[in-house]
Amino acid sequence: MNYLINMAKNKLEIKQIKSAIGYNFKVKRTLEALGIRGMNSKVVHNDTPAIRGMINKIQHILEVREL
């Protein structure tokens, strides 16, 4: 449980570096769920298992940096 508490204190900066054109509907919906609106847009989220799972599914489109 302490791992989850410590993980939530960290922040992740997520940036889209590749276009979603040509990818399936799930990839586009995952980008939307993360709050990314287009190329080179950045969002900051808490480092949670749910966010990490979304990042892992579309890691080929994203660039992630820990803050």
N, C-alpha and C. Protein backbone atom coordinates (compact mmCIF):
# COMPACT_ATOMS: atom_id res chain seq x y z
N MET A 1 0.82 -1.20 0.00
CA MET A 1 0.00 0.00 0.00
C MET A 1 0.87 1.27 0.00
N ASN A 2 1.99 1.22 0.70
CA ASN A 2 2.87 2.38 0.72
C ASN A 2 3.39 2.70 -0.68
N TYR A 3 3.58 1.67 -1.49
CA TYR A 3 4.04 1.89 -2.86
C TYR A 3 3.05 2.76 -3.62
N LEU A 4 1.76 2.50 -3.48
CA LEU A 4 0.75 3.28 -4.18
C LEU A 4 0.71 4.71 -3.67
N ILE A 5 0.91 4.90 -2.38
CA ILE A 5 0.89 6.26 -1.82
C ILE A 5 2.09 7.05 -2.35
N ASN A 6 3.27 6.44 -2.36
CA ASN A 6 4.45 7.12 -2.87
C ASN A 6 4.35 7.37 -4.37
N MET A 7 3.76 6.45 -5.08
CA MET A 7 3.64 6.59 -6.52
C MET A 7 2.71 7.75 -6.87
N ALA A 8 1.67 7.97 -6.09
CA ALA A 8 0.70 9.03 -6.37
C ALA A 8 1.30 10.41 -6.13
N LYS A 9 2.36 10.51 -5.33
CA LYS A 9 2.99 11.80 -5.07
C LYS A 9 3.76 12.30 -6.27
N ASN A 10 4.24 11.39 -7.11
CA ASN A 10 5.01 11.77 -8.29
C ASN A 10 4.08 12.24 -9.39
N LYS A 11 4.60 13.06 -10.26
CA LYS A 11 3.84 13.56 -11.41
C LYS A 11 4.51 13.09 -12.69
N LEU A 12 3.69 12.90 -13.71
CA LEU A 12 4.18 12.52 -15.03
C LEU A 12 3.77 13.58 -16.04
N GLU A 13 4.70 14.00 -16.86
CA GLU A 13 4.38 14.89 -17.97
C GLU A 13 4.31 14.02 -19.22
N ILE A 14 3.17 14.04 -19.87
CA ILE A 14 2.92 13.18 -21.03
C ILE A 14 2.76 14.06 -22.26
N LYS A 15 3.50 13.73 -23.31
CA LYS A 15 3.47 14.51 -24.55
C LYS A 15 3.24 13.58 -25.73
N GLN A 16 2.36 13.97 -26.63
CA GLN A 16 2.13 13.19 -27.85
C GLN A 16 3.19 13.58 -28.88
N ILE A 17 3.94 12.59 -29.35
CA ILE A 17 5.02 12.86 -30.31
C ILE A 17 4.77 12.28 -31.68
N LYS A 18 3.70 11.52 -31.82
CA LYS A 18 3.39 10.88 -33.10
C LYS A 18 1.89 10.99 -33.35
N SER A 19 1.50 11.15 -34.59
CA SER A 19 0.10 11.30 -34.94
C SER A 19 -0.68 10.01 -34.71
N ALA A 20 -1.94 10.16 -34.33
CA ALA A 20 -2.81 9.01 -34.11
C ALA A 20 -3.54 8.59 -35.39
N ILE A 21 -3.29 9.31 -36.48
CA ILE A 21 -3.92 8.96 -37.75
C ILE A 21 -3.44 7.58 -38.18
N GLY A 22 -4.37 6.72 -38.52
CA GLY A 22 -4.03 5.38 -38.96
C GLY A 22 -4.08 4.34 -37.85
N TYR A 23 -4.22 4.79 -36.61
CA TYR A 23 -4.34 3.85 -35.50
C TYR A 23 -5.80 3.59 -35.20
N ASN A 24 -6.06 2.50 -34.49
CA ASN A 24 -7.44 2.11 -34.25
C ASN A 24 -8.13 3.02 -33.23
N PHE A 25 -9.40 2.79 -33.07
CA PHE A 25 -10.27 3.61 -32.22
C PHE A 25 -9.81 3.61 -30.76
N LYS A 26 -9.31 2.49 -30.27
CA LYS A 26 -8.90 2.40 -28.86
C LYS A 26 -7.72 3.32 -28.56
N VAL A 27 -6.80 3.45 -29.49
CA VAL A 27 -5.66 4.35 -29.29
C VAL A 27 -6.15 5.79 -29.18
N LYS A 28 -7.06 6.17 -30.06
CA LYS A 28 -7.58 7.54 -30.06
C LYS A 28 -8.39 7.82 -28.80
N ARG A 29 -9.14 6.84 -28.33
CA ARG A 29 -9.92 7.02 -27.10
C ARG A 29 -9.01 7.10 -25.87
N THR A 30 -7.91 6.37 -25.87
CA THR A 30 -6.96 6.43 -24.77
C THR A 30 -6.29 7.79 -24.72
N LEU A 31 -5.92 8.35 -25.86
CA LEU A 31 -5.37 9.71 -25.90
C LEU A 31 -6.39 10.71 -25.35
N GLU A 32 -7.63 10.55 -25.73
CA GLU A 32 -8.70 11.42 -25.24
C GLU A 32 -8.87 11.30 -23.73
N ALA A 33 -8.79 10.07 -23.22
CA ALA A 33 -8.94 9.84 -21.78
C ALA A 33 -7.79 10.47 -21.00
N LEU A 34 -6.61 10.51 -21.59
CA LEU A 34 -5.47 11.15 -20.94
C LEU A 34 -5.55 12.67 -21.01
N GLY A 35 -6.41 13.19 -21.86
CA GLY A 35 -6.57 14.64 -21.97
C GLY A 35 -5.68 15.26 -23.03
N ILE A 36 -5.10 14.44 -23.87
CA ILE A 36 -4.23 14.93 -24.94
C ILE A 36 -5.09 15.29 -26.13
N ARG A 37 -4.91 16.51 -26.63
CA ARG A 37 -5.78 17.00 -27.69
C ARG A 37 -5.15 17.03 -29.07
N GLY A 38 -3.85 16.89 -29.17
CA GLY A 38 -3.22 16.91 -30.48
C GLY A 38 -1.72 16.76 -30.38
N MET A 39 -1.08 16.84 -31.51
CA MET A 39 0.37 16.70 -31.58
C MET A 39 1.06 17.74 -30.70
N ASN A 40 2.10 17.30 -30.02
CA ASN A 40 2.93 18.13 -29.15
C ASN A 40 2.19 18.74 -27.96
N SER A 41 0.97 18.30 -27.69
CA SER A 41 0.29 18.80 -26.50
C SER A 41 0.79 18.02 -25.29
N LYS A 42 0.87 18.71 -24.16
CA LYS A 42 1.38 18.11 -22.94
C LYS A 42 0.31 18.15 -21.87
N VAL A 43 0.28 17.13 -21.04
CA VAL A 43 -0.59 17.09 -19.86
C VAL A 43 0.24 16.56 -18.70
N VAL A 44 -0.18 16.90 -17.49
CA VAL A 44 0.49 16.42 -16.28
C VAL A 44 -0.54 15.64 -15.48
N HIS A 45 -0.17 14.41 -15.10
CA HIS A 45 -1.04 13.54 -14.31
C HIS A 45 -0.26 13.01 -13.12
N ASN A 46 -0.99 12.61 -12.08
CA ASN A 46 -0.37 11.88 -10.98
C ASN A 46 0.07 10.52 -11.49
N ASP A 47 1.11 9.99 -10.90
CA ASP A 47 1.64 8.68 -11.29
C ASP A 47 0.84 7.59 -10.57
N THR A 48 -0.21 7.12 -11.23
CA THR A 48 -1.07 6.09 -10.66
C THR A 48 -1.05 4.86 -11.57
N PRO A 49 -1.45 3.70 -11.06
CA PRO A 49 -1.48 2.50 -11.90
C PRO A 49 -2.39 2.66 -13.13
N ALA A 50 -3.49 3.37 -13.00
CA ALA A 50 -4.40 3.55 -14.13
C ALA A 50 -3.74 4.37 -15.24
N ILE A 51 -3.07 5.44 -14.87
CA ILE A 51 -2.38 6.28 -15.85
C ILE A 51 -1.23 5.50 -16.48
N ARG A 52 -0.47 4.76 -15.68
CA ARG A 52 0.63 3.95 -16.21
C ARG A 52 0.11 2.91 -17.20
N GLY A 53 -1.04 2.33 -16.92
CA GLY A 53 -1.62 1.34 -17.83
C GLY A 53 -1.99 1.95 -19.17
N MET A 54 -2.57 3.16 -19.13
CA MET A 54 -2.91 3.84 -20.38
C MET A 54 -1.65 4.19 -21.17
N ILE A 55 -0.62 4.64 -20.46
CA ILE A 55 0.64 4.99 -21.12
C ILE A 55 1.25 3.75 -21.77
N ASN A 56 1.23 2.63 -21.09
CA ASN A 56 1.82 1.39 -21.63
C ASN A 56 1.11 0.93 -22.89
N LYS A 57 -0.19 1.15 -22.99
CA LYS A 57 -0.93 0.72 -24.18
C LYS A 57 -0.57 1.53 -25.42
N ILE A 58 -0.20 2.80 -25.23
CA ILE A 58 0.08 3.66 -26.40
C ILE A 58 1.46 4.31 -26.29
N GLN A 59 2.41 3.59 -25.72
CA GLN A 59 3.74 4.15 -25.51
C GLN A 59 4.47 4.49 -26.81
N HIS A 60 4.06 3.91 -27.92
CA HIS A 60 4.69 4.20 -29.21
C HIS A 60 4.33 5.58 -29.74
N ILE A 61 3.33 6.23 -29.15
CA ILE A 61 2.87 7.55 -29.58
C ILE A 61 3.29 8.63 -28.59
N LEU A 62 3.68 8.25 -27.39
CA LEU A 62 3.90 9.20 -26.30
C LEU A 62 5.37 9.33 -25.92
N GLU A 63 5.65 10.45 -25.28
CA GLU A 63 6.91 10.67 -24.59
C GLU A 63 6.56 11.02 -23.16
N VAL A 64 7.11 10.30 -22.19
CA VAL A 64 6.75 10.48 -20.79
C VAL A 64 7.99 10.91 -20.01
N ARG A 65 7.77 11.88 -19.12
CA ARG A 65 8.86 12.40 -18.29
C ARG A 65 8.35 12.52 -16.86
N GLU A 66 9.15 12.05 -15.90
CA GLU A 66 8.76 12.18 -14.49
C GLU A 66 9.16 13.56 -13.99
N LEU A 67 8.28 14.17 -13.23
CA LEU A 67 8.55 15.48 -12.65
C LEU A 67 8.89 15.36 -11.18
